[in-house]
């Protein structure tokens, strides 16, 4: 799969268990630093009604949308049962104090 482009943010700017909005061209991403330091990134749009996932509550590797409490897995973007839907995920890597996010088409 071809990469559209890459965006980078300082690792230290990501607070554990909180989301951060990041612009990537015309897209808005939600980047999360988990409690163990792992960084995951998804589109910042809940599949239910479009709520901001960056404002959600993080539990483990899931985020709960603040609008209607949908639980989204940050690893694969899938809404958890009984809900259905998914958001696009974007690979991240931490290198030299920066988080590099591959933004896919």
Protein backbone atom coordinates (compact mmCIF):
# COMPACT_ATOMS: atom_id res chain seq x y z
CA UNK A 1 0.00 0.00 0.00
CA UNK A 2 1.45 3.35 -0.99
CA UNK A 3 1.98 5.98 1.72
CA UNK A 4 0.27 9.32 1.08
CA UNK A 5 2.74 11.16 3.29
CA UNK A 6 4.20 11.21 6.76
CA UNK A 7 3.65 13.53 9.70
CA UNK A 8 5.75 13.71 12.85
CA UNK A 9 5.05 14.90 16.38
CA UNK A 10 7.34 15.03 19.42
CA UNK A 11 6.92 11.90 21.55
CA UNK A 12 7.04 13.98 24.75
CA UNK A 13 4.05 16.04 23.54
CA UNK A 14 1.83 12.96 23.87
CA UNK A 15 0.49 12.49 27.37
CA UNK A 16 -0.07 8.90 28.50
CA UNK A 17 -3.68 7.70 28.16
CA UNK A 18 -4.78 10.86 26.31
CA UNK A 19 -5.41 11.56 22.67
CA UNK A 20 -3.97 14.35 20.58
CA UNK A 21 -5.37 15.78 17.35
CA UNK A 22 -2.88 15.93 14.49
CA UNK A 23 -3.52 17.46 11.06
CA UNK A 24 -2.31 15.49 8.04
CA UNK A 25 -3.27 17.44 4.95
CA UNK A 26 -7.07 17.50 4.84
CA UNK A 27 -7.34 14.72 7.45
CA UNK A 28 -7.47 14.86 11.19
CA UNK A 29 -5.84 12.04 13.11
CA UNK A 30 -6.06 10.98 16.74
CA UNK A 31 -2.70 9.91 18.20
CA UNK A 32 -2.52 8.06 21.52
CA UNK A 33 0.38 7.22 23.82
CA UNK A 34 -0.68 4.19 25.83
CA UNK A 35 0.28 3.61 29.44
CA UNK A 36 3.17 1.33 28.40
CA UNK A 37 4.54 4.00 26.00
CA UNK A 38 3.28 2.45 22.76
CA UNK A 39 1.87 4.97 20.26
CA UNK A 40 -1.16 4.23 18.09
CA UNK A 41 -2.97 6.38 15.54
CA UNK A 42 -6.48 6.32 14.03
CA UNK A 43 -8.65 8.69 12.04
CA UNK A 44 -10.18 11.19 14.46
CA UNK A 45 -13.77 10.29 13.63
CA UNK A 46 -15.96 7.79 15.42
CA UNK A 47 -17.71 5.48 12.91
CA UNK A 48 -21.04 6.04 14.68
CA UNK A 49 -21.73 9.78 14.46
CA UNK A 50 -18.33 11.29 13.70
CA UNK A 51 -17.34 12.27 17.24
CA UNK A 52 -13.73 13.16 18.04
CA UNK A 53 -11.85 10.09 19.24
CA UNK A 54 -8.92 12.27 20.39
CA UNK A 55 -11.19 13.51 23.18
CA UNK A 56 -12.17 9.98 24.18
CA UNK A 57 -11.34 8.03 27.29
CA UNK A 58 -8.51 5.52 26.85
CA UNK A 59 -8.64 2.11 28.55
CA UNK A 60 -5.86 -0.29 27.62
CA UNK A 61 -5.64 -0.13 23.82
CA UNK A 62 -9.25 1.00 23.34
CA UNK A 63 -10.76 4.47 23.24
CA UNK A 64 -14.34 5.28 24.25
CA UNK A 65 -16.05 7.96 22.17
CA UNK A 66 -17.42 10.68 24.43
CA UNK A 67 -20.61 11.13 22.39
CA UNK A 68 -22.22 7.70 22.66
CA UNK A 69 -19.67 5.52 24.51
CA UNK A 70 -18.67 3.42 21.48
CA UNK A 71 -15.48 1.45 22.21
CA UNK A 72 -12.92 1.48 19.38
CA UNK A 73 -9.82 -0.72 19.33
CA UNK A 74 -6.82 1.50 18.58
CA UNK A 75 -4.85 -1.46 17.16
CA UNK A 76 -7.25 -2.42 14.35
CA UNK A 77 -9.81 0.41 14.34
CA UNK A 78 -12.76 -1.92 14.90
CA UNK A 79 -15.77 -0.94 16.97
CA UNK A 80 -16.32 -3.49 19.72
CA UNK A 81 -19.53 -5.54 20.02
CA UNK A 82 -22.39 -4.92 20.12
CA UNK A 83 -21.47 -1.95 17.88
CA UNK A 84 -20.27 -2.29 14.28
CA UNK A 85 -17.95 -0.16 12.15
CA UNK A 86 -14.32 0.78 11.94
CA UNK A 87 -11.90 3.67 11.55
CA UNK A 88 -8.71 3.73 9.51
CA UNK A 89 -5.50 3.07 11.43
CA UNK A 90 -2.10 4.53 10.56
CA UNK A 91 1.26 2.92 11.40
CA UNK A 92 3.52 4.80 13.83
CA UNK A 93 7.14 4.45 14.79
CA UNK A 94 9.11 6.26 17.48
CA UNK A 95 12.57 7.37 16.46
CA UNK A 96 14.87 10.07 17.83
CA UNK A 97 12.22 11.53 20.14
CA UNK A 98 9.66 11.84 17.33
CA UNK A 99 6.59 9.82 16.44
CA UNK A 100 6.44 9.30 12.68
CA UNK A 101 2.94 8.55 11.38
CA UNK A 102 2.40 7.08 7.91
CA UNK A 103 -0.77 8.57 6.46
CA UNK A 104 -2.27 6.14 3.99
CA UNK A 105 -4.60 7.04 1.13
